Protein backbone atom coordinates (compact mmCIF):
# COMPACT_ATOMS: atom_id res chain seq x y z
CA UNK A 1 18.40 60.61 -37.49
CA UNK A 2 14.88 60.27 -36.73
CA UNK A 3 14.06 57.61 -33.53
CA UNK A 4 10.81 56.13 -34.54
CA UNK A 5 10.74 54.11 -31.04
CA UNK A 6 10.96 57.26 -28.99
CA UNK A 7 8.09 58.83 -31.20
CA UNK A 8 5.99 55.33 -31.01
CA UNK A 9 6.38 55.40 -27.00
CA UNK A 10 5.72 58.90 -26.65
CA UNK A 11 2.21 58.38 -28.63
CA UNK A 12 1.51 55.14 -26.71
CA UNK A 13 1.56 57.26 -23.05
CA UNK A 14 -0.96 59.55 -24.36
CA UNK A 15 -3.08 56.89 -26.11
CA UNK A 16 -2.93 54.78 -22.81
CA UNK A 17 -4.28 57.62 -20.82
CA UNK A 18 -7.23 58.22 -23.34
CA UNK A 19 -7.97 54.52 -23.19
CA UNK A 20 -7.77 54.58 -19.18
CA UNK A 21 -10.55 57.28 -19.51
CA UNK A 22 -12.73 55.35 -21.86
CA UNK A 23 -12.57 52.11 -20.46
CA UNK A 24 -11.10 52.14 -16.84
CA UNK A 25 -9.05 49.27 -15.38
CA UNK A 26 -11.99 48.19 -12.95
CA UNK A 27 -14.25 47.53 -16.05
CA UNK A 28 -11.49 45.74 -17.77
CA UNK A 29 -10.87 43.50 -14.57
CA UNK A 30 -14.59 42.71 -14.80
CA UNK A 31 -14.39 41.59 -18.37
CA UNK A 32 -11.65 39.07 -17.30
CA UNK A 33 -14.63 36.91 -16.05
CA UNK A 34 -15.66 36.52 -19.73
CA UNK A 35 -12.31 35.86 -21.55
CA UNK A 36 -11.48 32.94 -23.06
CA UNK A 37 -9.10 30.43 -21.08
CA UNK A 38 -5.55 30.92 -21.76
CA UNK A 39 -3.62 28.80 -24.51
CA UNK A 40 -0.05 28.03 -23.93
CA UNK A 41 1.83 30.05 -26.50
CA UNK A 42 5.39 28.96 -25.33
CA UNK A 43 3.86 25.34 -25.12
CA UNK A 44 2.55 25.70 -28.52
CA UNK A 45 6.10 26.73 -30.08
CA UNK A 46 7.85 24.04 -28.05
CA UNK A 47 5.57 21.26 -29.48
CA UNK A 48 6.78 21.92 -32.90
CA UNK A 49 10.60 20.88 -33.55
CA UNK A 50 12.90 21.96 -35.35
CA UNK A 51 11.13 25.32 -36.05
CA UNK A 52 7.76 26.85 -35.12
CA UNK A 53 6.25 29.67 -37.10
CA UNK A 54 4.37 32.58 -35.30
CA UNK A 55 2.58 34.31 -38.31
CA UNK A 56 1.63 37.81 -38.16
CA UNK A 57 -1.08 39.76 -39.31
CA UNK A 58 0.35 43.00 -40.21
CA UNK A 59 -1.32 45.70 -42.45
CA UNK A 60 1.34 48.45 -42.33
CA UNK A 61 4.66 49.47 -40.47
CA UNK A 62 6.57 52.84 -40.51
CA UNK A 63 9.11 51.52 -42.69
CA UNK A 64 7.08 49.74 -45.21
CA UNK A 65 4.22 51.81 -45.22
CA UNK A 66 0.85 49.68 -46.44
CA UNK A 67 1.82 46.39 -46.68
CA UNK A 68 -1.43 45.10 -47.77
CA UNK A 69 -4.36 47.46 -47.41
CA UNK A 70 -7.58 45.67 -47.52
CA UNK A 71 -7.22 42.66 -45.33
CA UNK A 72 -9.52 40.08 -43.59
CA UNK A 73 -7.85 39.62 -40.40
CA UNK A 74 -9.76 36.48 -39.43
CA UNK A 75 -9.48 34.98 -43.15
CA UNK A 76 -5.70 35.39 -42.91
CA UNK A 77 -5.40 33.92 -39.67
CA UNK A 78 -7.57 30.91 -40.70
CA UNK A 79 -5.11 30.38 -43.32
CA UNK A 80 -2.11 30.62 -41.34
CA UNK A 81 -3.34 28.12 -39.02
CA UNK A 82 -4.26 25.82 -41.82
CA UNK A 83 -0.79 26.08 -43.30
CA UNK A 84 1.09 25.10 -40.53
CA UNK A 85 1.76 28.44 -38.13
CA UNK A 86 2.08 27.22 -34.36
CA UNK A 87 0.96 30.46 -33.25
CA UNK A 88 -0.38 33.72 -34.36
CA UNK A 89 0.97 37.42 -33.69
CA UNK A 90 -1.71 40.19 -34.30
CA UNK A 91 -0.52 43.97 -34.42
CA UNK A 92 -2.68 45.92 -32.54
CA UNK A 93 -1.21 49.62 -32.97
CA UNK A 94 -3.35 51.94 -34.75
CA UNK A 95 -1.20 54.99 -35.17
CA UNK A 96 2.03 53.43 -36.80
CA UNK A 97 0.79 49.88 -37.84
CA UNK A 98 -2.83 50.60 -38.76
CA UNK A 99 -3.87 47.74 -36.53
CA UNK A 100 -6.82 47.29 -33.97
CA UNK A 101 -7.16 45.41 -30.49
CA UNK A 102 -10.86 44.25 -32.38
CA UNK A 103 -8.66 42.43 -35.10
CA UNK A 104 -6.99 40.39 -32.15
CA UNK A 105 -10.21 39.55 -30.41
CA UNK A 106 -11.80 38.42 -33.80
CA UNK A 107 -8.69 36.24 -34.90
CA UNK A 108 -8.76 34.94 -31.39
CA UNK A 109 -12.34 33.59 -31.87
CA UNK A 110 -11.78 32.13 -35.28
CA UNK A 111 -8.83 29.93 -34.53
CA UNK A 112 -7.55 27.22 -32.28
CA UNK A 113 -3.96 28.19 -31.80
CA UNK A 114 -2.75 30.75 -29.38
CA UNK A 115 -2.42 34.31 -30.01
CA UNK A 116 0.12 37.17 -29.23
CA UNK A 117 -0.81 40.69 -28.75
CA UNK A 118 2.05 42.68 -30.58
CA UNK A 119 2.24 46.42 -29.60
CA UNK A 120 4.22 48.57 -27.65
CA UNK A 121 3.49 47.74 -24.06
CA UNK A 122 4.57 50.21 -21.22
CA UNK A 123 1.57 50.34 -18.83
CA UNK A 124 -0.01 47.22 -16.64
CA UNK A 125 -3.17 48.46 -18.20
CA UNK A 126 -2.04 47.20 -21.97
CA UNK A 127 -1.07 43.98 -20.35
CA UNK A 128 -4.92 43.96 -18.75
CA UNK A 129 -6.36 45.18 -21.72
CA UNK A 130 -4.83 42.30 -23.56
CA UNK A 131 -5.94 39.43 -21.56
CA UNK A 132 -9.33 40.94 -21.57
CA UNK A 133 -9.19 40.83 -25.21
CA UNK A 134 -8.31 37.12 -25.29
CA UNK A 135 -4.67 37.31 -25.78
CA UNK A 136 -2.74 34.43 -24.75
CA UNK A 137 0.79 35.90 -24.82
CA UNK A 138 2.17 39.78 -24.67
CA UNK A 139 5.06 41.32 -26.43
CA UNK A 140 7.65 43.26 -24.27
CA UNK A 141 10.42 45.23 -25.84
CA UNK A 142 13.19 45.69 -23.54
CA UNK A 143 14.15 48.99 -25.39
CA UNK A 144 10.77 50.50 -24.14
CA UNK A 145 10.89 49.55 -20.74
CA UNK A 146 13.41 50.04 -17.77
CA UNK A 147 14.36 47.21 -15.70
CA UNK A 148 11.75 47.62 -12.91
CA UNK A 149 8.81 48.42 -15.45
CA UNK A 150 10.01 45.29 -17.48
CA UNK A 151 9.71 42.86 -14.45
CA UNK A 152 6.41 44.36 -13.26
CA UNK A 153 5.03 43.62 -16.69
CA UNK A 154 6.58 40.50 -17.14
CA UNK A 155 5.11 39.09 -13.83
CA UNK A 156 1.83 40.77 -14.09
CA UNK A 157 1.41 38.90 -17.51
CA UNK A 158 2.15 35.78 -15.51
CA UNK A 159 -0.44 36.48 -13.04
CA UNK A 160 -2.78 36.77 -15.55
CA UNK A 161 -2.07 33.53 -16.82
CA UNK A 162 -0.29 34.66 -20.21
CA UNK A 163 3.40 34.23 -21.52
CA UNK A 164 5.56 36.99 -22.41
CA UNK A 165 7.68 37.03 -25.46
CA UNK A 166 10.67 39.21 -24.34
CA UNK A 167 12.44 40.78 -27.06
CA UNK A 168 15.63 42.46 -27.55
CA UNK A 169 17.29 44.62 -30.13
CA UNK A 170 20.50 46.16 -28.10
CA UNK A 171 22.92 43.51 -26.65
CA UNK A 172 23.22 45.22 -23.48
CA UNK A 173 19.57 44.55 -22.71
CA UNK A 174 20.03 40.62 -23.16
CA UNK A 175 21.39 40.07 -19.28
CA UNK A 176 18.37 41.87 -17.63
CA UNK A 177 16.19 39.84 -19.80
CA UNK A 178 17.81 36.63 -19.35
CA UNK A 179 17.63 37.29 -15.32
CA UNK A 180 13.49 37.17 -15.77
CA UNK A 181 14.16 33.48 -16.84
CA UNK A 182 11.57 34.04 -19.53
CA UNK A 183 10.42 30.93 -21.56
CA UNK A 184 10.68 33.24 -24.82
CA UNK A 185 13.33 35.38 -25.71
CA UNK A 186 13.00 37.25 -28.96
CA UNK A 187 15.86 38.95 -30.83
CA UNK A 188 14.56 41.31 -33.24
CA UNK A 189 16.53 41.71 -36.73
CA UNK A 190 15.14 45.26 -36.97
CA UNK A 191 16.55 48.52 -34.93
CA UNK A 192 13.02 49.93 -34.09
CA UNK A 193 14.68 53.45 -33.63
CA UNK A 194 16.06 53.30 -37.41
CA UNK A 195 13.93 50.51 -38.93
CA UNK A 196 17.00 48.95 -40.30
CA UNK A 197 17.11 45.15 -40.60
CA UNK A 198 19.52 42.63 -40.52
CA UNK A 199 19.45 39.11 -40.02
CA UNK A 200 23.02 38.80 -38.73
CA UNK A 201 21.81 40.42 -35.74
CA UNK A 202 20.24 37.16 -34.49
CA UNK A 203 22.88 35.11 -35.43
CA UNK A 204 25.61 37.05 -33.44
CA UNK A 205 23.49 36.94 -30.44
CA UNK A 206 22.31 33.56 -30.31
CA UNK A 207 24.87 31.76 -28.39
CA UNK A 208 24.17 33.66 -25.48
CA UNK A 209 20.32 32.47 -25.42
CA UNK A 210 20.54 28.83 -24.40
CA UNK A 211 17.83 26.27 -23.30
CA UNK A 212 15.56 26.20 -21.58
CA UNK A 213 14.65 29.67 -23.19
CA UNK A 214 13.13 29.15 -26.32
CA UNK A 215 15.06 31.60 -28.85
CA UNK A 216 12.79 33.48 -31.47
CA UNK A 217 14.16 35.50 -34.23
CA UNK A 218 11.76 38.31 -35.30
CA UNK A 219 11.92 40.42 -38.77
CA UNK A 220 13.60 40.22 -41.82
CA UNK A 221 13.07 36.54 -42.39
CA UNK A 222 12.27 35.86 -46.17
CA UNK A 223 13.43 32.40 -47.58
CA UNK A 224 14.16 29.13 -46.55
CA UNK A 225 17.86 29.89 -46.95
CA UNK A 226 17.25 32.23 -44.02
CA UNK A 227 15.26 29.95 -41.90
CA UNK A 228 18.23 27.09 -42.23
CA UNK A 229 20.65 29.75 -41.00
CA UNK A 230 18.70 30.64 -38.11
CA UNK A 231 18.06 27.01 -37.13
CA UNK A 232 21.48 26.27 -37.27
CA UNK A 233 22.19 28.99 -34.84
CA UNK A 234 19.88 27.40 -32.13
CA UNK A 235 16.71 29.45 -33.22
CA UNK A 236 13.54 27.67 -32.31
CA UNK A 237 10.81 29.71 -33.29
CA UNK A 238 10.36 32.76 -36.48
CA UNK A 239 7.94 35.62 -36.39
CA UNK A 240 7.38 36.36 -39.73
CA UNK A 241 4.96 39.37 -41.10
CA UNK A 242 5.83 41.19 -44.25
CA UNK A 243 7.04 38.03 -46.11
CA UNK A 244 3.51 36.40 -45.46
CA UNK A 245 1.83 39.55 -45.90
CA UNK A 246 3.21 40.15 -49.44
CA UNK A 247 3.08 36.44 -50.53
CA UNK A 248 1.15 35.68 -53.86
CA UNK A 249 0.73 32.00 -52.75
CA UNK A 250 0.65 31.82 -49.00
CA UNK A 251 0.74 28.03 -48.79
CA UNK A 252 4.00 27.99 -50.76
CA UNK A 253 5.77 30.78 -49.02
CA UNK A 254 4.74 29.02 -45.77
CA UNK A 255 5.75 25.62 -47.01
CA UNK A 256 9.25 27.02 -47.99
CA UNK A 257 9.49 28.48 -44.55
CA UNK A 258 8.74 25.53 -42.49
CA UNK A 259 10.21 23.04 -44.79
CA UNK A 260 11.91 20.03 -42.68
CA UNK A 261 15.66 20.52 -42.17
CA UNK A 262 18.10 18.36 -40.80
CA UNK A 263 18.66 18.94 -36.68
CA UNK A 264 22.19 18.36 -35.52
CA UNK A 265 22.63 17.18 -31.66
CA UNK A 266 23.46 20.70 -30.65
CA UNK A 267 20.36 22.21 -31.69
CA UNK A 268 18.01 19.72 -29.79
CA UNK A 269 15.93 20.91 -26.96
CA UNK A 270 17.44 20.22 -23.74
CA UNK A 271 15.09 17.98 -21.52
C-alpha cells in the first residue's frame, strides 16, 4: 500500500532545503519585526463553548483531488469568520494540497480571528517561516516527527509566541504528545499514510485526553450528528475543511455544525 505521508515528508525535506537557499533563516528572523502580533489560538477556542470550529481553506488533497478549484482564499476566510468560526486553518503545502504560504499571509491580514499554518512541519525553518508570515499557531504532526524533533519544534513555536496544535493518529504517539502538556491536542480521523477516514478514531482515543488539554477532532466531520457525538465524547473543537469547501450554502452548513447542543456536567471544562 502506498505510504502517502512518507512521500509528502520526503518531498518536504527537499522543499525546505530549497526554501532556505531562497530566503535564508536570518532574513526570516529580520522579517519577524514586521510580523503582526500573535493572536491567541488556544484562547480563542477555549472562549467558544461547548464547541469551537476551526474552518479550513483547502483547495485539494491527495485523497479527494481538487475539492474546489477556483477560490478566493480571502473571501472564503472572511465568510468563515462571519458565519461563526473561532479560528482558521490555511493549508500551505503546494505540491499535494495546492496551497501557498501567500494564502496565509493574505488571509491573516483580512480577518480578526487567529490563523493556523497547516502543513507538514519537520524543521525549525518552517516554524520561523510561519511566524514571519503572520501565523498564530502551527500544526505539528507526531507521525512526522520523532520525540526530540517534536519537542524542539513545539518549544520553538512557543518561543516565537505561537500556539501549537499537536496532532496524532497512532495511539502509541499519544503518550509522548501528552508529556509536552500542549494546550491543544488534535486527533486526526484520517490516516495520513492511506488517507482512510473514520470518525470512530477520535471517539476511541478521546478518554485519554483530559483537561486542561483542549481536544480537537480533525477530518471526516460532515453533519450535526457527527458534532453531537464528538461533543458527547469531550471534544472541544473541530477542524473542518472538505465539508465546508464543498458546501453549496456555507452559512447553513456552518450553522448546522455549530448548532447549540446540551452540555453535560462531565463535558464542562475544568477551571
